[in-house]
Amino acid sequence: MRLILLRHGETLWNIESRLQGHANSELSIKGVKQAEDIKKYIKILAPNRVITSDLGRTVQTSTIIGYPDAERDSMIRELNMGDWTGKSKIEIMNSQPELYRDWRDGNYTPIGGENWFEFCDRIKVGFSRRIVDDAGDLLAVVHSGVIRAACKVFLNISPDHLLPSTPGTLTIINFKDKTSPKLEAYNIGSFIPDVDVSD
């Protein structure tokens, strides 16, 4: 059984390096093309099931790739960024570099935001109930934070050992051996991944 994670296409807020969290932004022209371009790879992978975060950018991506009726699941939505929602990542990095670094390490939670460890627990619960051998491969249209959290909880890969997940790319976790899942693919798409991409 494979868990196939697709990050939504680039959004207008991604272009501006604004943190989205539970807020939403439409896909950019590039984001729509990223979703259209990844369809051929998804067709080859032929997932048995498809789910999506309930946030607009993932639902829009899911519709573009051919799954407008994918089940929407709030358990796999992005990390709630609290007071940092909508703020420029670059401005926060410049004005509060230590807090930003601590947040990235999971040691700081913006006011009104979601703690990294609670977020990881939510993502683990959201996916674990769906990781069943006889149900087949699962495609989940999600967010960069969800991909980092899934790599942490299922593979014990810390976010600081991962390059950013580029919009419109796939990450695959193979659960053939449930006691020791393996990273089968990371940041795979129809283009060279952008290592400086915005969250």
Protein backbone atom coordinates (compact mmCIF):
# COMPACT_ATOMS: atom_id res chain seq x y z
CA MET A 1 0.00 0.00 0.00
CA ARG A 2 1.31 3.44 -0.94
CA LEU A 3 0.43 6.81 0.53
CA ILE A 4 0.82 9.20 -2.41
CA LEU A 5 0.98 12.81 -1.27
CA LEU A 6 0.42 15.57 -3.81
CA ARG A 7 1.12 19.14 -2.78
CA HIS A 8 -1.45 21.53 -4.23
CA GLY A 9 -0.43 23.79 -7.11
CA GLU A 10 1.19 27.15 -6.48
CA THR A 11 -1.19 29.77 -5.07
CA LEU A 12 -1.27 33.55 -5.32
CA TRP A 13 -0.10 33.72 -1.71
CA ASN A 14 2.78 31.35 -2.48
CA ILE A 15 3.99 33.86 -5.06
CA GLU A 16 3.97 36.55 -2.34
CA SER A 17 5.60 34.20 0.23
CA ARG A 18 2.62 34.65 2.56
CA LEU A 19 1.91 31.96 5.14
CA GLN A 20 -1.48 30.41 4.41
CA GLY A 21 -2.26 27.94 7.19
CA HIS A 22 -6.04 27.54 7.33
CA ALA A 23 -6.64 30.62 5.18
CA ASN A 24 -7.00 30.16 1.47
CA SER A 25 -5.68 31.57 -1.78
CA GLU A 26 -6.59 30.62 -5.34
CA LEU A 27 -4.13 28.75 -7.52
CA SER A 28 -1.97 30.93 -9.73
CA ILE A 29 -1.76 30.36 -13.50
CA LYS A 30 1.44 28.42 -12.83
CA GLY A 31 -0.33 26.44 -10.09
CA VAL A 32 -3.11 25.39 -12.45
CA LYS A 33 -0.49 24.25 -14.99
CA GLN A 34 1.38 22.30 -12.28
CA ALA A 35 -1.84 20.45 -11.44
CA GLU A 36 -2.58 19.78 -15.11
CA ASP A 37 0.96 18.52 -15.72
CA ILE A 38 0.98 16.07 -12.79
CA LYS A 39 -2.17 14.30 -14.02
CA LYS A 40 -0.23 11.94 -16.30
CA TYR A 41 1.88 10.71 -13.39
CA ILE A 42 -1.17 10.16 -11.22
CA LYS A 43 -2.76 8.18 -14.04
CA ILE A 44 0.31 5.93 -14.14
CA LEU A 45 0.21 5.47 -10.35
CA ALA A 46 -3.54 4.66 -10.57
CA PRO A 47 -4.51 5.19 -6.92
CA ASN A 48 -7.45 3.15 -5.64
CA ARG A 49 -8.68 5.99 -3.42
CA VAL A 50 -8.39 9.78 -3.43
CA ILE A 51 -8.89 12.22 -0.58
CA THR A 52 -8.14 15.91 -0.19
CA SER A 53 -7.73 18.44 2.55
CA ASP A 54 -10.91 20.48 2.89
CA LEU A 55 -9.11 23.76 2.14
CA GLY A 56 -9.84 25.47 -1.18
CA ARG A 57 -6.40 25.23 -2.78
CA THR A 58 -6.31 21.44 -2.39
CA VAL A 59 -9.92 21.02 -3.50
CA GLN A 60 -9.15 23.14 -6.60
CA THR A 61 -6.08 21.00 -7.33
CA SER A 62 -8.03 17.78 -6.81
CA THR A 63 -10.66 18.98 -9.28
CA ILE A 64 -8.05 19.87 -11.92
CA ILE A 65 -6.37 16.46 -11.69
CA GLY A 66 -9.72 14.77 -12.29
CA TYR A 67 -11.11 14.05 -8.82
CA PRO A 68 -13.76 16.72 -8.14
CA ASP A 69 -15.63 14.37 -5.81
CA ALA A 70 -12.64 13.36 -3.68
CA GLU A 71 -13.54 13.06 -0.02
CA ARG A 72 -12.65 16.24 1.88
CA ASP A 73 -10.98 15.63 5.21
CA SER A 74 -10.28 18.39 7.75
CA MET A 75 -7.87 16.07 9.60
CA ILE A 76 -5.30 16.51 6.83
CA ARG A 77 -5.54 20.26 6.44
CA GLU A 78 -2.47 22.48 6.83
CA LEU A 79 -0.99 23.59 10.15
CA ASN A 80 -2.91 26.47 11.71
CA MET A 81 -0.44 29.37 11.78
CA GLY A 82 -2.44 31.59 14.11
CA ASP A 83 -1.34 35.24 14.11
CA TRP A 84 1.21 34.51 11.39
CA THR A 85 -1.52 33.60 8.88
CA GLY A 86 -1.29 35.88 5.85
CA LYS A 87 2.03 37.37 6.94
CA SER A 88 5.07 37.45 4.70
CA LYS A 89 7.52 34.65 5.45
CA ILE A 90 10.40 36.92 4.42
CA GLU A 91 9.28 39.71 6.77
CA ILE A 92 9.00 37.29 9.69
CA MET A 93 12.43 35.82 8.90
CA ASN A 94 13.90 39.33 8.86
CA SER A 95 12.09 40.79 11.86
CA GLN A 96 11.91 37.70 14.10
CA PRO A 97 14.64 35.32 12.87
CA GLU A 98 14.96 33.40 16.14
CA LEU A 99 11.20 32.86 16.48
CA TYR A 100 10.98 31.78 12.86
CA ARG A 101 13.82 29.28 13.36
CA ASP A 102 12.20 28.00 16.57
CA TRP A 103 8.86 27.67 14.76
CA ARG A 104 10.51 25.66 11.98
CA ASP A 105 12.07 23.40 14.64
CA GLY A 106 8.68 22.90 16.31
CA ASN A 107 9.68 24.86 19.42
CA TYR A 108 7.48 27.93 18.93
CA THR A 109 3.79 28.32 18.21
CA PRO A 110 2.43 31.67 16.97
CA ILE A 111 -0.41 33.07 19.09
CA GLY A 112 -3.61 31.24 18.21
CA GLY A 113 -1.66 28.70 16.14
CA GLU A 114 -1.28 24.95 16.27
CA ASN A 115 1.61 23.31 18.05
CA TRP A 116 3.87 21.27 15.70
CA PHE A 117 3.61 18.12 17.83
CA GLU A 118 -0.18 18.31 18.05
CA PHE A 119 -0.23 18.87 14.29
CA CYS A 120 1.89 15.75 13.74
CA ASP A 121 -0.49 13.76 15.96
CA ARG A 122 -3.46 15.00 13.92
CA ILE A 123 -1.79 14.05 10.64
CA LYS A 124 -0.86 10.61 11.97
CA VAL A 125 -4.43 9.92 13.06
CA GLY A 126 -5.82 11.30 9.78
CA PHE A 127 -3.75 8.92 7.67
CA SER A 128 -3.35 5.89 9.94
CA ARG A 129 -7.03 4.99 9.78
CA ARG A 130 -6.72 4.83 5.98
CA ILE A 131 -3.53 2.79 5.73
CA VAL A 132 -5.09 -0.60 5.11
CA ASP A 133 -3.55 -3.30 2.87
CA ASP A 134 -6.68 -4.42 1.09
CA ALA A 135 -7.85 -0.87 0.37
CA GLY A 136 -5.02 -0.18 -2.11
CA ASP A 137 -2.98 2.93 -2.80
CA LEU A 138 -4.23 6.24 -1.44
CA LEU A 139 -3.69 9.61 -3.13
CA ALA A 140 -4.02 12.58 -0.77
CA VAL A 141 -4.00 16.16 -2.09
CA VAL A 142 -2.42 18.12 0.74
CA HIS A 143 -0.07 20.88 1.87
CA SER A 144 3.68 21.24 2.43
CA GLY A 145 3.32 21.08 6.21
CA VAL A 146 1.28 17.88 5.95
CA ILE A 147 4.01 16.28 3.83
CA ARG A 148 6.67 17.26 6.39
CA ALA A 149 4.51 15.93 9.23
CA ALA A 150 3.83 12.64 7.41
CA CYS A 151 7.57 12.17 6.80
CA LYS A 152 8.18 12.80 10.49
CA VAL A 153 5.50 10.53 11.96
CA PHE A 154 5.84 7.62 9.53
CA LEU A 155 9.54 7.77 8.59
CA ASN A 156 11.05 9.72 11.51
CA ILE A 157 12.59 12.21 9.07
CA SER A 158 12.92 15.58 10.74
CA PRO A 159 11.75 18.60 8.69
CA ASP A 160 15.26 20.05 8.82
CA HIS A 161 16.41 17.05 6.75
CA LEU A 162 13.91 17.73 3.98
CA LEU A 163 14.06 20.20 1.12
CA PRO A 164 10.82 22.17 0.71
CA SER A 165 8.00 20.33 -1.03
CA THR A 166 7.43 22.07 -4.37
CA PRO A 167 3.82 22.78 -5.39
CA GLY A 168 2.50 20.22 -7.85
CA THR A 169 4.93 17.46 -6.82
CA LEU A 170 4.46 13.98 -5.40
CA THR A 171 5.87 12.32 -2.31
CA ILE A 172 5.29 8.58 -1.87
CA ILE A 173 5.52 6.57 1.35
CA ASN A 174 5.44 2.80 0.82
CA PHE A 175 3.71 0.79 3.55
CA LYS A 176 4.42 -2.69 2.16
CA ASP A 177 6.12 -3.34 5.52
CA LYS A 178 3.93 -1.50 8.01
CA THR A 179 6.51 -1.84 10.77
CA SER A 180 9.10 -0.10 8.60
CA PRO A 181 7.57 2.15 5.90
CA LYS A 182 9.93 3.47 3.25
CA LEU A 183 10.27 6.75 1.37
CA GLU A 184 9.71 5.72 -2.25
CA ALA A 185 9.78 9.19 -3.81
CA TYR A 186 10.06 12.83 -2.77
CA ASN A 187 9.38 16.06 -4.69
CA ILE A 188 8.70 14.27 -7.97
CA GLY A 189 7.01 16.25 -10.72
CA SER A 190 7.12 17.20 -14.36
CA PHE A 191 9.81 19.83 -13.67
CA ILE A 192 12.92 20.36 -11.56
CA PRO A 193 11.85 20.99 -7.94
CA ASP A 194 12.23 24.53 -6.63
CA VAL A 195 14.30 24.26 -3.44
CA ASP A 196 13.57 27.91 -2.56
CA VAL A 197 9.81 27.52 -2.89
CA SER A 198 7.49 29.23 -0.44
CA ASP A 199 5.42 27.25 2.08
